[in-house]
C-alpha atoms as a PDB file:
ATOM      1  CA  UNK A   1      -0.015   0.038  -0.424  1.00  0.00           C
ATOM      2  CA  UNK A   2       2.671   2.549   0.364  1.00  0.00           C
ATOM      3  CA  UNK A   3       4.527   2.864  -2.692  1.00  0.00           C
ATOM      4  CA  UNK A   4       1.130   3.582  -4.361  1.00  0.00           C
ATOM      5  CA  UNK A   5       2.179   7.190  -2.805  1.00  0.00           C
ATOM      6  CA  UNK A   6       4.695   9.384  -3.098  1.00  0.00           C
ATOM      7  CA  UNK A   7       5.472   9.609   0.920  1.00  0.00           C
ATOM      8  CA  UNK A   8       4.338   8.354   3.968  1.00  0.00           C
ATOM      9  CA  UNK A   9       4.559  10.897   5.604  1.00  0.00           C
ATOM     10  CA  UNK A  10       4.266  14.470   4.726  1.00  0.00           C
ATOM     11  CA  UNK A  11       4.975  16.830   7.609  1.00  0.00           C
ATOM     12  CA  UNK A  12       3.339  20.688   7.857  1.00  0.00           C
ATOM     13  CA  UNK A  13       5.805  23.228   9.595  1.00  0.00           C
ATOM     14  CA  UNK A  14       9.688  22.916  10.396  1.00  0.00           C
ATOM     15  CA  UNK A  15       9.918  24.575  14.180  1.00  0.00           C
ATOM     16  CA  UNK A  16      10.680  22.111  17.033  1.00  0.00           C
ATOM     17  CA  UNK A  17       7.879  20.463  16.882  1.00  0.00           C
ATOM     18  CA  UNK A  18       8.213  19.267  13.277  1.00  0.00           C
ATOM     19  CA  UNK A  19      11.638  18.472  13.564  1.00  0.00           C
ATOM     20  CA  UNK A  20      11.665  16.757  15.838  1.00  0.00           C
ATOM     21  CA  UNK A  21       8.803  14.319  14.159  1.00  0.00           C
ATOM     22  CA  UNK A  22      10.535  13.876  11.284  1.00  0.00           C
ATOM     23  CA  UNK A  23      13.935  13.189  12.822  1.00  0.00           C
ATOM     24  CA  UNK A  24      12.372   9.686  14.543  1.00  0.00           C
ATOM     25  CA  UNK A  25      10.004   9.259  11.390  1.00  0.00           C
ATOM     26  CA  UNK A  26      12.957   9.009   9.389  1.00  0.00           C
ATOM     27  CA  UNK A  27      14.520   7.133  11.522  1.00  0.00           C
ATOM     28  CA  UNK A  28      11.770   4.401  11.911  1.00  0.00           C
ATOM     29  CA  UNK A  29      12.929   3.980   7.899  1.00  0.00           C
ATOM     30  CA  UNK A  30       9.463   6.095   7.302  1.00  0.00           C
ATOM     31  CA  UNK A  31       9.217   8.196   3.544  1.00  0.00           C
ATOM     32  CA  UNK A  32       9.167  12.162   4.984  1.00  0.00           C
ATOM     33  CA  UNK A  33       8.086  15.040   3.132  1.00  0.00           C
ATOM     34  CA  UNK A  34       8.552  17.792   5.751  1.00  0.00           C
ATOM     35  CA  UNK A  35       7.774  21.774   4.311  1.00  0.00           C
ATOM     36  CA  UNK A  36       8.163  24.253   6.525  1.00  0.00           C
ATOM     37  CA  UNK A  37       7.178  27.989   5.493  1.00  0.00           C
ATOM     38  CA  UNK A  38      10.267  29.235   7.391  1.00  0.00           C
ATOM     39  CA  UNK A  39       7.480  31.933   9.411  1.00  0.00           C
ATOM     40  CA  UNK A  40       7.771  31.153  13.086  1.00  0.00           C
ATOM     41  CA  UNK A  41       6.261  33.281  15.838  1.00  0.00           C
ATOM     42  CA  UNK A  42       9.138  33.516  17.570  1.00  0.00           C
ATOM     43  CA  UNK A  43      11.514  34.150  14.722  1.00  0.00           C
ATOM     44  CA  UNK A  44      11.404  38.265  16.646  1.00  0.00           C
ATOM     45  CA  UNK A  45      13.679  36.519  19.605  1.00  0.00           C
ATOM     46  CA  UNK A  46      17.030  36.226  19.741  1.00  0.00           C
ATOM     47  CA  UNK A  47      17.272  34.005  22.778  1.00  0.00           C
ATOM     48  CA  UNK A  48      15.131  30.749  23.584  1.00  0.00           C
ATOM     49  CA  UNK A  49      15.625  29.381  27.054  1.00  0.00           C
ATOM     50  CA  UNK A  50      15.143  26.215  28.983  1.00  0.00           C
ATOM     51  CA  UNK A  51      15.897  23.848  25.869  1.00  0.00           C
ATOM     52  CA  UNK A  52      18.069  21.391  27.749  1.00  0.00           C
ATOM     53  CA  UNK A  53      22.050  21.500  26.350  1.00  0.00           C
ATOM     54  CA  UNK A  54      20.866  24.640  24.400  1.00  0.00           C
ATOM     55  CA  UNK A  55      19.674  27.232  26.220  1.00  0.00           C
ATOM     56  CA  UNK A  56      20.718  30.337  25.107  1.00  0.00           C
ATOM     57  CA  UNK A  57      20.610  29.627  21.638  1.00  0.00           C
ATOM     58  CA  UNK A  58      18.748  32.000  19.157  1.00  0.00           C
ATOM     59  CA  UNK A  59      15.007  29.819  17.601  1.00  0.00           C
ATOM     60  CA  UNK A  60      16.838  29.885  14.321  1.00  0.00           C
ATOM     61  CA  UNK A  61      19.788  28.018  14.395  1.00  0.00           C
ATOM     62  CA  UNK A  62      17.568  25.637  16.552  1.00  0.00           C
ATOM     63  CA  UNK A  63      15.864  25.363  13.573  1.00  0.00           C
ATOM     64  CA  UNK A  64      18.481  25.238  11.410  1.00  0.00           C
ATOM     65  CA  UNK A  65      20.573  22.618  13.716  1.00  0.00           C
ATOM     66  CA  UNK A  66      17.385  20.390  13.276  1.00  0.00           C
ATOM     67  CA  UNK A  67      17.421  20.359   9.613  1.00  0.00           C
ATOM     68  CA  UNK A  68      20.949  19.970   9.676  1.00  0.00           C
ATOM     69  CA  UNK A  69      20.816  16.590  11.459  1.00  0.00           C
ATOM     70  CA  UNK A  70      17.777  15.541   9.014  1.00  0.00           C
ATOM     71  CA  UNK A  71      19.779  15.700   6.388  1.00  0.00           C
ATOM     72  CA  UNK A  72      21.814  12.090   6.845  1.00  0.00           C
ATOM     73  CA  UNK A  73      18.040  10.790   6.457  1.00  0.00           C
ATOM     74  CA  UNK A  74      17.683   9.288   2.535  1.00  0.00           C
ATOM     75  CA  UNK A  75      14.762   8.859   3.524  1.00  0.00           C
ATOM     76  CA  UNK A  76      14.034  12.138   4.892  1.00  0.00           C
ATOM     77  CA  UNK A  77      12.981  15.495   2.094  1.00  0.00           C
ATOM     78  CA  UNK A  78      12.639  18.632   2.940  1.00  0.00           C
ATOM     79  CA  UNK A  79      11.020  22.372   0.982  1.00  0.00           C
ATOM     80  CA  UNK A  80      11.309  26.262   2.273  1.00  0.00           C
ATOM     81  CA  UNK A  81       7.538  26.609   0.862  1.00  0.00           C
ATOM     82  CA  UNK A  82       3.822  27.083   1.258  1.00  0.00           C
ATOM     83  CA  UNK A  83       1.641  24.735   1.838  1.00  0.00           C
ATOM     84  CA  UNK A  84      -2.014  25.297  -0.452  1.00  0.00           C
ATOM     85  CA  UNK A  85      -4.258  22.747   0.692  1.00  0.00           C
ATOM     86  CA  UNK A  86      -4.284  19.269   1.939  1.00  0.00           C
ATOM     87  CA  UNK A  87      -7.437  17.184   0.045  1.00  0.00           C
ATOM     88  CA  UNK A  88      -8.069  13.905   1.288  1.00  0.00           C
ATOM     89  CA  UNK A  89      -7.808  10.958  -1.620  1.00  0.00           C
ATOM     90  CA  UNK A  90     -11.489   8.817  -1.982  1.00  0.00           C
ATOM     91  CA  UNK A  91      -9.946   5.681  -1.185  1.00  0.00           C
ATOM     92  CA  UNK A  92      -7.435   7.223   1.718  1.00  0.00           C
ATOM     93  CA  UNK A  93      -4.669   9.403   1.519  1.00  0.00           C
ATOM     94  CA  UNK A  94      -3.509  12.735   0.637  1.00  0.00           C
ATOM     95  CA  UNK A  95      -2.779  15.293  -2.288  1.00  0.00           C
ATOM     96  CA  UNK A  96      -0.815  18.131  -0.738  1.00  0.00           C
ATOM     97  CA  UNK A  97      -0.386  21.056  -2.849  1.00  0.00           C
ATOM     98  CA  UNK A  98       2.305  24.045  -2.714  1.00  0.00           C
ATOM     99  CA  UNK A  99       4.239  26.336  -4.180  1.00  0.00           C
ATOM    100  CA  UNK A 100       6.232  24.424  -6.727  1.00  0.00           C
ATOM    101  CA  UNK A 101       4.704  20.925  -6.898  1.00  0.00           C
ATOM    102  CA  UNK A 102       2.268  18.160  -5.375  1.00  0.00           C
ATOM    103  CA  UNK A 103       2.831  15.029  -3.016  1.00  0.00           C
ATOM    104  CA  UNK A 104       0.584  12.415  -2.295  1.00  0.00           C
ATOM    105  CA  UNK A 105       0.928  10.402   1.235  1.00  0.00           C
ATOM    106  CA  UNK A 106      -0.753   8.140   3.247  1.00  0.00           C
ATOM    107  CA  UNK A 107      -0.576  10.790   6.538  1.00  0.00           C
ATOM    108  CA  UNK A 108      -0.703  14.105   7.072  1.00  0.00           C
ATOM    109  CA  UNK A 109       1.210  15.307  10.449  1.00  0.00           C
ATOM    110  CA  UNK A 110       0.111  19.709  11.262  1.00  0.00           C
ATOM    111  CA  UNK A 111       2.550  21.038  12.855  1.00  0.00           C
ATOM    112  CA  UNK A 112       2.372  25.153  11.609  1.00  0.00           C
ATOM    113  CA  UNK A 113       1.366  26.753  15.500  1.00  0.00           C
ATOM    114  CA  UNK A 114       0.367  29.930  15.393  1.00  0.00           C
ATOM    115  CA  UNK A 115       0.303  33.448  14.553  1.00  0.00           C
ATOM    116  CA  UNK A 116       0.632  36.234  17.587  1.00  0.00           C
ATOM    117  CA  UNK A 117      -0.900  39.089  17.483  1.00  0.00           C
ATOM    118  CA  UNK A 118       0.448  41.739  19.436  1.00  0.00           C
ATOM    119  CA  UNK A 119      -1.363  44.789  21.968  1.00  0.00           C
ATOM    120  CA  UNK A 120      -1.308  47.825  18.947  1.00  0.00           C
ATOM    121  CA  UNK A 121       1.039  49.930  20.359  1.00  0.00           C
ATOM    122  CA  UNK A 122       2.849  52.521  17.692  1.00  0.00           C
ATOM    123  CA  UNK A 123       6.391  51.224  19.145  1.00  0.00           C
ATOM    124  CA  UNK A 124       6.469  47.740  20.317  1.00  0.00           C
ATOM    125  CA  UNK A 125       7.217  45.667  17.590  1.00  0.00           C
ATOM    126  CA  UNK A 126      10.929  47.137  17.772  1.00  0.00           C
ATOM    127  CA  UNK A 127      11.563  45.828  20.631  1.00  0.00           C
ATOM    128  CA  UNK A 128       9.771  42.640  20.647  1.00  0.00           C
ATOM    129  CA  UNK A 129      12.072  39.632  21.581  1.00  0.00           C
ATOM    130  CA  UNK A 130      15.040  41.582  22.804  1.00  0.00           C
ATOM    131  CA  UNK A 131      13.041  43.743  25.980  1.00  0.00           C
ATOM    132  CA  UNK A 132       9.604  42.570  25.624  1.00  0.00           C
ATOM    133  CA  UNK A 133       8.266  39.536  25.606  1.00  0.00           C
ATOM    134  CA  UNK A 134       5.490  37.087  25.780  1.00  0.00           C
ATOM    135  CA  UNK A 135       6.597  34.122  27.478  1.00  0.00           C
ATOM    136  CA  UNK A 136       7.397  34.247  31.064  1.00  0.00           C
ATOM    137  CA  UNK A 137       8.334  30.653  31.624  1.00  0.00           C
ATOM    138  CA  UNK A 138      11.143  31.383  28.823  1.00  0.00           C
ATOM    139  CA  UNK A 139      12.587  34.976  29.426  1.00  0.00           C
ATOM    140  CA  UNK A 140      11.668  35.895  33.091  1.00  0.00           C
ATOM    141  CA  UNK A 141      15.172  34.861  34.718  1.00  0.00           C
ATOM    142  CA  UNK A 142      16.766  37.673  32.755  1.00  0.00           C
ATOM    143  CA  UNK A 143      15.309  40.019  34.073  1.00  0.00           C
ATOM    144  CA  UNK A 144      15.092  39.232  38.024  1.00  0.00           C
ATOM    145  CA  UNK A 145      14.682  42.093  39.886  1.00  0.00           C
ATOM    146  CA  UNK A 146      14.426  44.836  38.180  1.00  0.00           C
ATOM    147  CA  UNK A 147      11.715  47.164  36.458  1.00  0.00           C
ATOM    148  CA  UNK A 148       9.073  44.809  35.043  1.00  0.00           C
ATOM    149  CA  UNK A 149       5.548  45.196  33.281  1.00  0.00           C
ATOM    150  CA  UNK A 150       2.573  43.033  32.694  1.00  0.00           C
ATOM    151  CA  UNK A 151       0.379  44.880  29.833  1.00  0.00           C
ATOM    152  CA  UNK A 152      -2.925  42.902  28.973  1.00  0.00           C
ATOM    153  CA  UNK A 153      -6.060  43.322  27.803  1.00  0.00           C
ATOM    154  CA  UNK A 154      -6.900  39.269  29.423  1.00  0.00           C
ATOM    155  CA  UNK A 155      -9.298  37.739  31.856  1.00  0.00           C
ATOM    156  CA  UNK A 156      -5.926  36.195  33.407  1.00  0.00           C
ATOM    157  CA  UNK A 157      -3.690  39.352  34.574  1.00  0.00           C
ATOM    158  CA  UNK A 158      -3.253  38.233  38.366  1.00  0.00           C
ATOM    159  CA  UNK A 159      -2.584  35.010  37.921  1.00  0.00           C
ATOM    160  CA  UNK A 160      -0.387  35.912  34.914  1.00  0.00           C
ATOM    161  CA  UNK A 161       1.222  38.322  37.408  1.00  0.00           C
ATOM    162  CA  UNK A 162       1.504  36.611  40.266  1.00  0.00           C
ATOM    163  CA  UNK A 163       3.409  34.159  38.229  1.00  0.00           C
ATOM    164  CA  UNK A 164       6.294  37.004  37.214  1.00  0.00           C
ATOM    165  CA  UNK A 165       6.280  37.658  40.705  1.00  0.00           C
ATOM    166  CA  UNK A 166       8.071  34.739  41.424  1.00  0.00           C
ATOM    167  CA  UNK A 167      11.549  37.034  39.432  1.00  0.00           C
ATOM    168  CA  UNK A 168      10.802  40.319  40.395  1.00  0.00           C
ATOM    169  CA  UNK A 169       8.635  42.681  42.524  1.00  0.00           C
ATOM    170  CA  UNK A 170       9.182  45.368  41.198  1.00  0.00           C
ATOM    171  CA  UNK A 171       5.926  44.921  38.881  1.00  0.00           C
ATOM    172  CA  UNK A 172       3.197  47.022  37.392  1.00  0.00           C
ATOM    173  CA  UNK A 173       0.213  45.473  35.853  1.00  0.00           C
ATOM    174  CA  UNK A 174      -1.220  47.473  32.950  1.00  0.00           C
ATOM    175  CA  UNK A 175      -5.102  46.557  32.623  1.00  0.00           C
ATOM    176  CA  UNK A 176      -4.695  48.800  29.048  1.00  0.00           C
ATOM    177  CA  UNK A 177      -8.532  49.901  31.115  1.00  0.00           C
ATOM    178  CA  UNK A 178      -9.990  46.479  29.697  1.00  0.00           C
ATOM    179  CA  UNK A 179      -8.011  43.919  31.648  1.00  0.00           C
ATOM    180  CA  UNK A 180      -9.753  42.316  34.262  1.00  0.00           C
ATOM    181  CA  UNK A 181      -7.788  41.968  37.511  1.00  0.00           C
ATOM    182  CA  UNK A 182     -10.548  42.340  40.462  1.00  0.00           C
ATOM    183  CA  UNK A 183     -10.477  44.134  44.195  1.00  0.00           C
ATOM    184  CA  UNK A 184      -9.632  40.936  45.934  1.00  0.00           C
ATOM    185  CA  UNK A 185      -6.948  40.265  43.474  1.00  0.00           C
ATOM    186  CA  UNK A 186      -5.244  43.524  43.006  1.00  0.00           C
ATOM    187  CA  UNK A 187      -5.236  42.841  47.599  1.00  0.00           C
ATOM    188  CA  UNK A 188      -3.268  40.246  46.524  1.00  0.00           C
ATOM    189  CA  UNK A 189      -1.014  41.495  44.199  1.00  0.00           C
ATOM    190  CA  UNK A 190      -0.264  44.490  46.425  1.00  0.00           C
ATOM    191  CA  UNK A 191       0.309  42.016  49.307  1.00  0.00           C
ATOM    192  CA  UNK A 192       3.077  40.961  46.719  1.00  0.00           C
ATOM    193  CA  UNK A 193       4.393  45.015  46.498  1.00  0.00           C
ATOM    194  CA  UNK A 194       1.710  45.033  42.761  1.00  0.00           C
ATOM    195  CA  UNK A 195       1.151  47.259  41.397  1.00  0.00           C
ATOM    196  CA  UNK A 196      -2.009  47.810  38.626  1.00  0.00           C
ATOM    197  CA  UNK A 197      -2.444  50.321  36.584  1.00  0.00           C
ATOM    198  CA  UNK A 198      -5.673  50.472  34.903  1.00  0.00           C
ATOM    199  CA  UNK A 199      -5.176  54.134  32.912  1.00  0.00           C
ATOM    200  CA  UNK A 200      -4.708  53.500  29.186  1.00  0.00           C
ATOM    201  CA  UNK A 201      -1.065  52.068  27.363  1.00  0.00           C
ATOM    202  CA  UNK A 202      -0.689  53.934  24.508  1.00  0.00           C
ATOM    203  CA  UNK A 203       2.808  53.419  24.163  1.00  0.00           C
ATOM    204  CA  UNK A 204       6.455  52.300  24.492  1.00  0.00           C
ATOM    205  CA  UNK A 205       9.451  53.910  25.264  1.00  0.00           C
ATOM    206  CA  UNK A 206      12.746  52.733  24.646  1.00  0.00           C
ATOM    207  CA  UNK A 207      16.709  53.847  22.953  1.00  0.00           C
ATOM    208  CA  UNK A 208      18.543  51.279  21.347  1.00  0.00           C
ATOM    209  CA  UNK A 209      19.655  49.776  25.283  1.00  0.00           C
ATOM    210  CA  UNK A 210      16.586  48.937  24.342  1.00  0.00           C
ATOM    211  CA  UNK A 211      13.642  48.747  26.703  1.00  0.00           C
ATOM    212  CA  UNK A 212      12.448  52.579  29.019  1.00  0.00           C
ATOM    213  CA  UNK A 213       9.206  53.281  29.960  1.00  0.00           C
ATOM    214  CA  UNK A 214       5.312  52.643  29.178  1.00  0.00           C
ATOM    215  CA  UNK A 215       3.824  55.615  28.020  1.00  0.00           C
ATOM    216  CA  UNK A 216       0.243  55.975  28.685  1.00  0.00           C
ATOM    217  CA  UNK A 217      -2.232  58.045  26.703  1.00  0.00           C
ATOM    218  CA  UNK A 218      -2.821  60.855  29.667  1.00  0.00           C
ATOM    219  CA  UNK A 219       1.048  61.765  28.086  1.00  0.00           C
ATOM    220  CA  UNK A 220       2.730  59.855  31.835  1.00  0.00           C
ATOM    221  CA  UNK A 221       5.316  57.632  30.661  1.00  0.00           C
ATOM    222  CA  UNK A 222       6.513  54.975  34.169  1.00  0.00           C
ATOM    223  CA  UNK A 223      10.022  53.664  33.796  1.00  0.00           C
ATOM    224  CA  UNK A 224      10.444  50.551  33.387  1.00  0.00           C
ATOM    225  CA  UNK A 225      13.227  48.046  31.736  1.00  0.00           C
ATOM    226  CA  UNK A 226      11.884  45.702  30.542  1.00  0.00           C
ATOM    227  CA  UNK A 227       7.485  44.440  29.481  1.00  0.00           C
ATOM    228  CA  UNK A 228       5.242  40.864  29.208  1.00  0.00           C
ATOM    229  CA  UNK A 229       2.706  41.377  26.417  1.00  0.00           C
ATOM    230  CA  UNK A 230      -0.254  39.383  26.647  1.00  0.00           C
ATOM    231  CA  UNK A 231      -0.956  38.188  22.358  1.00  0.00           C
ATOM    232  CA  UNK A 232      -3.798  37.166  20.909  1.00  0.00           C
ATOM    233  CA  UNK A 233      -3.057  33.822  18.896  1.00  0.00           C
ATOM    234  CA  UNK A 234      -5.178  32.987  15.303  1.00  0.00           C
ATOM    235  CA  UNK A 235      -4.758  29.740  13.965  1.00  0.00           C
ATOM    236  CA  UNK A 236      -2.883  29.464  10.234  1.00  0.00           C
ATOM    237  CA  UNK A 237      -4.358  26.985   9.233  1.00  0.00           C
ATOM    238  CA  UNK A 238      -6.783  28.594   5.668  1.00  0.00           C
ATOM    239  CA  UNK A 239      -4.633  25.001   3.832  1.00  0.00           C
ATOM    240  CA  UNK A 240      -5.703  22.108   6.615  1.00  0.00           C
ATOM    241  CA  UNK A 241     -10.107  23.377   5.470  1.00  0.00           C
ATOM    242  CA  UNK A 242     -10.397  20.247   3.001  1.00  0.00           C
ATOM    243  CA  UNK A 243      -9.844  17.664   5.779  1.00  0.00           C
ATOM    244  CA  UNK A 244     -12.334  19.238   8.091  1.00  0.00           C
ATOM    245  CA  UNK A 245     -10.937  18.791  11.465  1.00  0.00           C
ATOM    246  CA  UNK A 246     -13.197  19.271  14.639  1.00  0.00           C
ATOM    247  CA  UNK A 247     -11.767  22.022  15.976  1.00  0.00           C
ATOM    248  CA  UNK A 248     -12.409  23.783  19.802  1.00  0.00           C
ATOM    249  CA  UNK A 249     -14.436  27.271  20.413  1.00  0.00           C
ATOM    250  CA  UNK A 250     -10.490  28.578  20.085  1.00  0.00           C
ATOM    251  CA  UNK A 251      -9.713  27.711  17.291  1.00  0.00           C
ATOM    252  CA  UNK A 252      -7.523  24.327  17.723  1.00  0.00           C
ATOM    253  CA  UNK A 253      -7.236  21.526  16.571  1.00  0.00           C
ATOM    254  CA  UNK A 254      -9.038  18.961  18.600  1.00  0.00           C
ATOM    255  CA  UNK A 255      -6.693  15.643  19.386  1.00  0.00           C
ATOM    256  CA  UNK A 256      -6.989  12.691  20.941  1.00  0.00           C
ATOM    257  CA  UNK A 257      -3.786  11.849  23.333  1.00  0.00           C
ATOM    258  CA  UNK A 258      -1.449  10.529  20.282  1.00  0.00           C
ATOM    259  CA  UNK A 259      -2.088  13.558  18.325  1.00  0.00           C
ATOM    260  CA  UNK A 260      -4.738  12.167  15.706  1.00  0.00           C
ATOM    261  CA  UNK A 261      -7.899  14.680  14.280  1.00  0.00           C
ATOM    262  CA  UNK A 262     -11.149  13.480  14.262  1.00  0.00           C
ATOM    263  CA  UNK A 263      -9.495  13.180  10.121  1.00  0.00           C
ATOM    264  CA  UNK A 264      -8.684   9.684   9.402  1.00  0.00           C
ATOM    265  CA  UNK A 265      -4.729   9.291   9.182  1.00  0.00           C
ATOM    266  CA  UNK A 266      -4.914  13.467   9.287  1.00  0.00           C
ATOM    267  CA  UNK A 267      -2.551  14.412  12.715  1.00  0.00           C
ATOM    268  CA  UNK A 268      -1.661  17.430  14.485  1.00  0.00           C
ATOM    269  CA  UNK A 269       0.678  18.897  17.285  1.00  0.00           C
ATOM    270  CA  UNK A 270       2.153  21.999  19.409  1.00  0.00           C
ATOM    271  CA  UNK A 271       0.870  25.197  18.930  1.00  0.00           C
ATOM    272  CA  UNK A 272      -1.722  24.655  16.718  1.00  0.00           C
ATOM    273  CA  UNK A 273      -3.623  21.886  19.490  1.00  0.00           C
ATOM    274  CA  UNK A 274      -4.403  22.728  23.153  1.00  0.00           C
ATOM    275  CA  UNK A 275      -3.334  23.360  25.320  1.00  0.00           C
ATOM    276  CA  UNK A 276      -1.566  26.114  22.448  1.00  0.00           C
ATOM    277  CA  UNK A 277       1.170  28.050  23.473  1.00  0.00           C
ATOM    278  CA  UNK A 278       4.221  25.929  24.925  1.00  0.00           C
ATOM    279  CA  UNK A 279       7.454  26.020  25.018  1.00  0.00           C
ATOM    280  CA  UNK A 280       9.911  24.074  22.481  1.00  0.00           C
ATOM    281  CA  UNK A 281      11.661  21.644  24.330  1.00  0.00           C
ATOM    282  CA  UNK A 282       7.681  20.713  24.610  1.00  0.00           C
ATOM    283  CA  UNK A 283       6.771  21.400  21.313  1.00  0.00           C
ATOM    284  CA  UNK A 284       9.562  19.437  20.799  1.00  0.00           C
ATOM    285  CA  UNK A 285       8.550  16.476  22.929  1.00  0.00           C
ATOM    286  CA  UNK A 286       5.155  16.236  21.308  1.00  0.00           C
ATOM    287  CA  UNK A 287       7.040  15.594  17.877  1.00  0.00           C
ATOM    288  CA  UNK A 288       8.632  12.395  19.278  1.00  0.00           C
ATOM    289  CA  UNK A 289       5.177  11.263  20.951  1.00  0.00           C
ATOM    290  CA  UNK A 290       3.586  11.896  17.692  1.00  0.00           C
ATOM    291  CA  UNK A 291       5.790  10.223  15.331  1.00  0.00           C
ATOM    292  CA  UNK A 292       6.122   7.208  17.464  1.00  0.00           C
ATOM    293  CA  UNK A 293       1.853   6.941  17.363  1.00  0.00           C
ATOM    294  CA  UNK A 294       2.668   7.966  13.959  1.00  0.00           C
ATOM    295  CA  UNK A 295       4.509   5.199  13.263  1.00  0.00           C
ATOM    296  CA  UNK A 296       2.259   1.900  14.775  1.00  0.00           C
ATOM    297  CA  UNK A 297      -0.147   3.718  12.737  1.00  0.00           C
ATOM    298  CA  UNK A 298       1.139   2.426  10.216  1.00  0.00           C
ATOM    299  CA  UNK A 299       2.158  -0.764  10.919  1.00  0.00           C
END
């Protein structure tokens, strides 16, 4: 049955999750085609943390090293391209259309992650990835005991502030005038020395050395050396509409504990599945786990 298809597995997305899956499938001697558009959401980040043996590495360098490891396996092919559609075949399997070609495959693995929608602040992107971040677990350590801002409009600001206080109590929570922090939570945070500012943030300020402050709509600038923001996230799944995948209320792909989607032969891993954004090493672990599932299912 395998020989009627160009590939046994086509993986869409070449981040840590997709690369890890490809490596493990390669070692299982599965004919694997990895397609990646080279548009990672962490491309602005200079350093990634918490990845054993690679702490502090650039996320782009981590991806490069992963691709180089795959080159030693003759049963794996990598192509930098954009996937345009995936369509089921009548007798099983899928047709994958991408810029530059078409491939057939027994199974597909979606590992394309998420797109970040950042707060609308004119100067934010100038400092995003250097002194403004979204992942506290990834970047909080570098700002230990320094003045930090937490900027957001979500309902979990108090919880996030409590977590961020592990690294610094010199913390101000900016609710943007709409983020929810109850009076009870505000009192709890005040007990840890954390202030809540409910005014609207107009922008951020900084210089060549990084962030220097948070600019409020009333004209006041509050000095801060770093900030964490709470982005919204979007899936990038237009190419997968033909699979008719089941999505949860957040738009993430519903999978079972082994990464199987609601469509037979289609799998998904990483940030496009619940619970959403996660650390790179967790995504890589997910990739190894789902690769083992695919290998067994193909038997």
